[in-house]
């Protein structure tokens, strides 16, 4: 009887050691990996949506005559896409995505904010909208007879 009790106690002891290992080493590593994956996904989705918007505007700019295009984009949570027309000689689409507090930010994303800009072909663009995260947007891009682009 004592032998069986000793085997049971040894099994419980080994089981406890394995549990402690999983809770202290494996679970935090998985949590960090998950946060990193979410950050990469958020930045990639934001950049993809901004590229889709910039490419559509540029596409309409090179087409002669009137044109209209409707886009559907998803801007992830903690992300923003906006038109930057402050410098008329260099119009662009700016985007940014905030990173998680769980991991150290990469060196190219200061203050946990990854951002970028995409150039537009021409400054004949009117766009006052800022598209903020966790929303699905239907964006209408209209080119009038004068070649002016309106983003709504």
C-alpha atoms as a PDB file:
ATOM      1  CA  UNK A   1       0.000   0.000   0.000  1.00  0.00           C
ATOM      2  CA  UNK A   2       2.823   2.409   0.814  1.00  0.00           C
ATOM      3  CA  UNK A   3       4.305   1.921  -2.661  1.00  0.00           C
ATOM      4  CA  UNK A   4       1.096   2.985  -4.365  1.00  0.00           C
ATOM      5  CA  UNK A   5       0.811   6.045  -2.155  1.00  0.00           C
ATOM      6  CA  UNK A   6       4.396   7.001  -2.904  1.00  0.00           C
ATOM      7  CA  UNK A   7       3.807   6.676  -6.681  1.00  0.00           C
ATOM      8  CA  UNK A   8       0.679   8.830  -6.388  1.00  0.00           C
ATOM      9  CA  UNK A   9       2.551  11.512  -4.455  1.00  0.00           C
ATOM     10  CA  UNK A  10       5.407  11.484  -6.960  1.00  0.00           C
ATOM     11  CA  UNK A  11       2.930  11.803  -9.819  1.00  0.00           C
ATOM     12  CA  UNK A  12       1.207  14.757  -8.104  1.00  0.00           C
ATOM     13  CA  UNK A  13       4.565  16.405  -7.456  1.00  0.00           C
ATOM     14  CA  UNK A  14       5.647  16.052 -11.119  1.00  0.00           C
ATOM     15  CA  UNK A  15       2.219  17.258 -12.257  1.00  0.00           C
ATOM     16  CA  UNK A  16       2.561  20.351 -10.045  1.00  0.00           C
ATOM     17  CA  UNK A  17       6.038  21.101 -11.470  1.00  0.00           C
ATOM     18  CA  UNK A  18       4.678  20.846 -15.026  1.00  0.00           C
ATOM     19  CA  UNK A  19       1.758  23.125 -14.154  1.00  0.00           C
ATOM     20  CA  UNK A  20       4.053  25.730 -12.619  1.00  0.00           C
ATOM     21  CA  UNK A  21       6.275  25.591 -15.728  1.00  0.00           C
ATOM     22  CA  UNK A  22       3.303  26.089 -18.038  1.00  0.00           C
ATOM     23  CA  UNK A  23       1.943  28.988 -15.994  1.00  0.00           C
ATOM     24  CA  UNK A  24       5.280  30.812 -15.628  1.00  0.00           C
ATOM     25  CA  UNK A  25       6.991  30.168 -18.977  1.00  0.00           C
ATOM     26  CA  UNK A  26       4.585  29.005 -21.671  1.00  0.00           C
ATOM     27  CA  UNK A  27       1.502  31.158 -20.993  1.00  0.00           C
ATOM     28  CA  UNK A  28       3.357  34.531 -20.936  1.00  0.00           C
ATOM     29  CA  UNK A  29       5.206  33.623 -24.141  1.00  0.00           C
ATOM     30  CA  UNK A  30       1.924  32.797 -25.865  1.00  0.00           C
ATOM     31  CA  UNK A  31       0.404  36.062 -24.616  1.00  0.00           C
ATOM     32  CA  UNK A  32       3.325  38.094 -25.975  1.00  0.00           C
ATOM     33  CA  UNK A  33       3.170  36.257 -29.290  1.00  0.00           C
ATOM     34  CA  UNK A  34      -0.558  36.909 -29.570  1.00  0.00           C
ATOM     35  CA  UNK A  35      -0.123  40.648 -28.890  1.00  0.00           C
ATOM     36  CA  UNK A  36       2.656  40.836 -31.464  1.00  0.00           C
ATOM     37  CA  UNK A  37       0.511  39.061 -34.048  1.00  0.00           C
ATOM     38  CA  UNK A  38      -2.401  41.437 -33.404  1.00  0.00           C
ATOM     39  CA  UNK A  39      -0.104  44.458 -33.836  1.00  0.00           C
ATOM     40  CA  UNK A  40       1.342  43.187 -37.115  1.00  0.00           C
ATOM     41  CA  UNK A  41      -2.146  42.407 -38.384  1.00  0.00           C
ATOM     42  CA  UNK A  42      -3.470  45.854 -37.399  1.00  0.00           C
ATOM     43  CA  UNK A  43      -0.605  47.714 -39.101  1.00  0.00           C
ATOM     44  CA  UNK A  44      -0.858  45.542 -42.232  1.00  0.00           C
ATOM     45  CA  UNK A  45      -4.635  45.956 -42.538  1.00  0.00           C
ATOM     46  CA  UNK A  46      -4.357  49.722 -42.038  1.00  0.00           C
ATOM     47  CA  UNK A  47      -1.643  50.040 -44.676  1.00  0.00           C
ATOM     48  CA  UNK A  48      -3.630  47.859 -47.089  1.00  0.00           C
ATOM     49  CA  UNK A  49      -6.760  50.006 -46.649  1.00  0.00           C
ATOM     50  CA  UNK A  50      -4.733  53.220 -47.149  1.00  0.00           C
ATOM     51  CA  UNK A  51      -3.113  51.776 -50.286  1.00  0.00           C
ATOM     52  CA  UNK A  52      -6.518  50.813 -51.628  1.00  0.00           C
ATOM     53  CA  UNK A  53      -7.769  54.381 -51.116  1.00  0.00           C
ATOM     54  CA  UNK A  54      -4.643  56.037 -52.574  1.00  0.00           C
ATOM     55  CA  UNK A  55      -4.558  53.701 -55.586  1.00  0.00           C
ATOM     56  CA  UNK A  56      -8.234  54.326 -56.331  1.00  0.00           C
ATOM     57  CA  UNK A  57      -7.766  58.112 -56.162  1.00  0.00           C
ATOM     58  CA  UNK A  58      -4.674  57.913 -58.392  1.00  0.00           C
ATOM     59  CA  UNK A  59      -6.521  55.646 -60.822  1.00  0.00           C
ATOM     60  CA  UNK A  60      -9.326  58.179 -61.231  1.00  0.00           C
ATOM     61  CA  UNK A  61      -6.829  61.030 -61.594  1.00  0.00           C
ATOM     62  CA  UNK A  62      -5.282  59.482 -64.714  1.00  0.00           C
ATOM     63  CA  UNK A  63      -8.616  58.657 -66.375  1.00  0.00           C
ATOM     64  CA  UNK A  64      -9.856  61.361 -68.715  1.00  0.00           C
ATOM     65  CA  UNK A  65     -13.371  62.688 -68.238  1.00  0.00           C
ATOM     66  CA  UNK A  66     -15.766  62.099 -65.389  1.00  0.00           C
ATOM     67  CA  UNK A  67     -15.530  58.959 -63.282  1.00  0.00           C
ATOM     68  CA  UNK A  68     -16.838  57.447 -60.078  1.00  0.00           C
ATOM     69  CA  UNK A  69     -15.633  54.606 -57.887  1.00  0.00           C
ATOM     70  CA  UNK A  70     -16.991  53.126 -54.685  1.00  0.00           C
ATOM     71  CA  UNK A  71     -14.635  51.486 -52.201  1.00  0.00           C
ATOM     72  CA  UNK A  72     -15.314  49.358 -49.180  1.00  0.00           C
ATOM     73  CA  UNK A  73     -12.535  49.402 -46.629  1.00  0.00           C
ATOM     74  CA  UNK A  74     -12.159  48.170 -43.088  1.00  0.00           C
ATOM     75  CA  UNK A  75     -10.080  50.334 -40.788  1.00  0.00           C
ATOM     76  CA  UNK A  76      -8.917  48.258 -37.806  1.00  0.00           C
ATOM     77  CA  UNK A  77      -9.346  49.278 -34.188  1.00  0.00           C
ATOM     78  CA  UNK A  78      -6.803  51.882 -32.958  1.00  0.00           C
ATOM     79  CA  UNK A  79      -6.066  52.974 -36.546  1.00  0.00           C
ATOM     80  CA  UNK A  80      -6.693  56.081 -38.651  1.00  0.00           C
ATOM     81  CA  UNK A  81      -6.528  56.870 -42.356  1.00  0.00           C
ATOM     82  CA  UNK A  82      -6.802  60.476 -43.516  1.00  0.00           C
ATOM     83  CA  UNK A  83      -6.111  62.733 -46.482  1.00  0.00           C
ATOM     84  CA  UNK A  84      -3.256  65.160 -45.979  1.00  0.00           C
ATOM     85  CA  UNK A  85      -3.599  68.050 -48.392  1.00  0.00           C
ATOM     86  CA  UNK A  86      -1.696  70.625 -46.313  1.00  0.00           C
ATOM     87  CA  UNK A  87       1.160  70.778 -48.814  1.00  0.00           C
ATOM     88  CA  UNK A  88      -0.514  71.217 -52.225  1.00  0.00           C
ATOM     89  CA  UNK A  89       2.642  70.121 -54.037  1.00  0.00           C
ATOM     90  CA  UNK A  90       2.724  66.795 -52.152  1.00  0.00           C
ATOM     91  CA  UNK A  91      -0.819  65.541 -51.458  1.00  0.00           C
ATOM     92  CA  UNK A  92      -0.905  62.200 -49.695  1.00  0.00           C
ATOM     93  CA  UNK A  93      -2.871  59.676 -47.697  1.00  0.00           C
ATOM     94  CA  UNK A  94      -1.550  59.308 -44.136  1.00  0.00           C
ATOM     95  CA  UNK A  95      -2.209  56.285 -41.959  1.00  0.00           C
ATOM     96  CA  UNK A  96      -1.312  55.236 -38.440  1.00  0.00           C
ATOM     97  CA  UNK A  97      -1.932  52.298 -36.146  1.00  0.00           C
ATOM     98  CA  UNK A  98      -1.390  52.140 -32.390  1.00  0.00           C
ATOM     99  CA  UNK A  99       0.487  49.198 -30.932  1.00  0.00           C
ATOM    100  CA  UNK A 100      -0.273  47.102 -27.879  1.00  0.00           C
ATOM    101  CA  UNK A 101       1.227  47.927 -24.490  1.00  0.00           C
ATOM    102  CA  UNK A 102       2.134  44.256 -23.939  1.00  0.00           C
ATOM    103  CA  UNK A 103       5.308  44.228 -26.023  1.00  0.00           C
ATOM    104  CA  UNK A 104       8.225  46.540 -26.691  1.00  0.00           C
ATOM    105  CA  UNK A 105       7.597  48.720 -29.751  1.00  0.00           C
ATOM    106  CA  UNK A 106       9.834  48.321 -32.798  1.00  0.00           C
ATOM    107  CA  UNK A 107      12.367  51.093 -33.407  1.00  0.00           C
ATOM    108  CA  UNK A 108      10.540  52.385 -36.490  1.00  0.00           C
ATOM    109  CA  UNK A 109       7.311  52.945 -34.516  1.00  0.00           C
ATOM    110  CA  UNK A 110       8.099  55.586 -31.881  1.00  0.00           C
ATOM    111  CA  UNK A 111       5.584  56.121 -29.074  1.00  0.00           C
ATOM    112  CA  UNK A 112       3.826  52.866 -30.046  1.00  0.00           C
ATOM    113  CA  UNK A 113       2.448  54.492 -33.193  1.00  0.00           C
ATOM    114  CA  UNK A 114       3.302  53.058 -36.617  1.00  0.00           C
ATOM    115  CA  UNK A 115       2.577  55.528 -39.389  1.00  0.00           C
ATOM    116  CA  UNK A 116       3.159  56.052 -43.068  1.00  0.00           C
ATOM    117  CA  UNK A 117       2.211  58.152 -46.085  1.00  0.00           C
ATOM    118  CA  UNK A 118       1.223  57.315 -49.627  1.00  0.00           C
ATOM    119  CA  UNK A 119       1.639  59.903 -52.372  1.00  0.00           C
ATOM    120  CA  UNK A 120      -1.151  61.034 -54.650  1.00  0.00           C
ATOM    121  CA  UNK A 121      -0.564  61.884 -58.307  1.00  0.00           C
ATOM    122  CA  UNK A 122      -2.225  65.306 -58.233  1.00  0.00           C
ATOM    123  CA  UNK A 123      -3.372  67.973 -55.812  1.00  0.00           C
ATOM    124  CA  UNK A 124      -6.848  68.244 -57.357  1.00  0.00           C
ATOM    125  CA  UNK A 125      -8.313  66.224 -54.497  1.00  0.00           C
ATOM    126  CA  UNK A 126     -10.917  67.264 -51.953  1.00  0.00           C
ATOM    127  CA  UNK A 127     -11.064  65.041 -48.917  1.00  0.00           C
ATOM    128  CA  UNK A 128     -12.027  66.172 -45.420  1.00  0.00           C
ATOM    129  CA  UNK A 129     -12.759  62.761 -43.972  1.00  0.00           C
ATOM    130  CA  UNK A 130     -10.658  60.911 -41.461  1.00  0.00           C
ATOM    131  CA  UNK A 131     -11.466  57.223 -41.297  1.00  0.00           C
ATOM    132  CA  UNK A 132     -11.045  56.005 -37.719  1.00  0.00           C
ATOM    133  CA  UNK A 133     -10.676  52.461 -36.485  1.00  0.00           C
ATOM    134  CA  UNK A 134     -12.976  49.528 -35.928  1.00  0.00           C
ATOM    135  CA  UNK A 135     -15.303  50.619 -38.707  1.00  0.00           C
ATOM    136  CA  UNK A 136     -16.251  49.493 -42.167  1.00  0.00           C
ATOM    137  CA  UNK A 137     -16.448  52.408 -44.600  1.00  0.00           C
ATOM    138  CA  UNK A 138     -18.113  52.803 -47.953  1.00  0.00           C
ATOM    139  CA  UNK A 139     -16.130  55.538 -49.680  1.00  0.00           C
ATOM    140  CA  UNK A 140     -17.276  57.230 -52.844  1.00  0.00           C
ATOM    141  CA  UNK A 141     -14.613  58.796 -55.046  1.00  0.00           C
ATOM    142  CA  UNK A 142     -16.011  61.085 -57.741  1.00  0.00           C
ATOM    143  CA  UNK A 143     -14.109  62.874 -60.494  1.00  0.00           C
ATOM    144  CA  UNK A 144     -16.014  65.830 -61.984  1.00  0.00           C
ATOM    145  CA  UNK A 145     -15.756  67.363 -65.471  1.00  0.00           C
ATOM    146  CA  UNK A 146     -13.012  69.757 -64.262  1.00  0.00           C
ATOM    147  CA  UNK A 147     -10.811  66.875 -63.082  1.00  0.00           C
ATOM    148  CA  UNK A 148     -11.422  67.581 -59.379  1.00  0.00           C
ATOM    149  CA  UNK A 149     -11.611  64.479 -57.162  1.00  0.00           C
ATOM    150  CA  UNK A 150     -14.055  64.397 -54.235  1.00  0.00           C
ATOM    151  CA  UNK A 151     -13.686  61.720 -51.584  1.00  0.00           C
ATOM    152  CA  UNK A 152     -16.853  61.222 -49.540  1.00  0.00           C
END
